């Protein structure tokens, strides 16, 4: 998925099939929360 004309790094798109059960959803949420601990903070953009 591309909203800005640039590839969004650090994004993960899960299809509906991948979150059909509570267990599947929890597994993906755990992956996301683990990644948040190691992800670098994006630089703040200057608002004009």
Protein backbone atom coordinates (compact mmCIF):
# COMPACT_ATOMS: atom_id res chain seq x y z
CA UNK A 1 0.00 0.00 0.00
CA UNK A 2 1.33 3.44 -0.90
CA UNK A 3 -0.33 6.66 0.24
CA UNK A 4 2.47 9.17 -0.27
CA UNK A 5 4.26 8.18 -3.47
CA UNK A 6 7.04 6.63 -1.36
CA UNK A 7 7.34 3.17 0.09
CA UNK A 8 6.61 3.19 3.80
CA UNK A 9 9.34 1.24 5.57
CA UNK A 10 8.57 -0.46 8.84
CA UNK A 11 4.97 -1.11 7.82
CA UNK A 12 3.39 -4.52 7.80
CA UNK A 13 0.07 -5.20 6.09
CA UNK A 14 -1.86 -8.27 7.25
CA UNK A 15 -4.66 -9.66 5.14
CA UNK A 16 -7.96 -10.57 6.77
CA UNK A 17 -7.07 -14.26 6.58
CA UNK A 18 -4.08 -13.58 8.87
CA UNK A 19 -6.23 -12.22 11.69
CA UNK A 20 -9.28 -14.44 11.50
CA UNK A 21 -8.89 -15.76 15.05
CA UNK A 22 -8.10 -13.99 18.31
CA UNK A 23 -4.92 -16.09 18.52
CA UNK A 24 -3.74 -14.92 15.08
CA UNK A 25 -4.52 -11.29 15.91
CA UNK A 26 -2.66 -11.53 19.22
CA UNK A 27 0.39 -13.02 17.47
CA UNK A 28 0.55 -10.07 15.03
CA UNK A 29 -0.01 -7.56 17.83
CA UNK A 30 2.88 -9.13 19.75
CA UNK A 31 5.10 -8.78 16.67
CA UNK A 32 4.12 -5.11 16.31
CA UNK A 33 4.67 -4.31 19.99
CA UNK A 34 8.07 -6.04 19.99
CA UNK A 35 9.10 -4.01 16.93
CA UNK A 36 8.02 -0.75 18.57
CA UNK A 37 10.64 -1.28 21.29
CA UNK A 38 13.48 -1.35 18.74
CA UNK A 39 12.16 1.02 16.05
CA UNK A 40 13.94 4.32 15.52
CA UNK A 41 11.95 7.50 16.01
CA UNK A 42 11.28 9.37 12.77
CA UNK A 43 12.75 12.85 12.41
CA UNK A 44 10.24 15.62 13.02
CA UNK A 45 9.30 17.54 9.90
CA UNK A 46 9.20 21.30 9.91
CA UNK A 47 5.67 22.60 9.40
CA UNK A 48 5.48 25.56 7.05
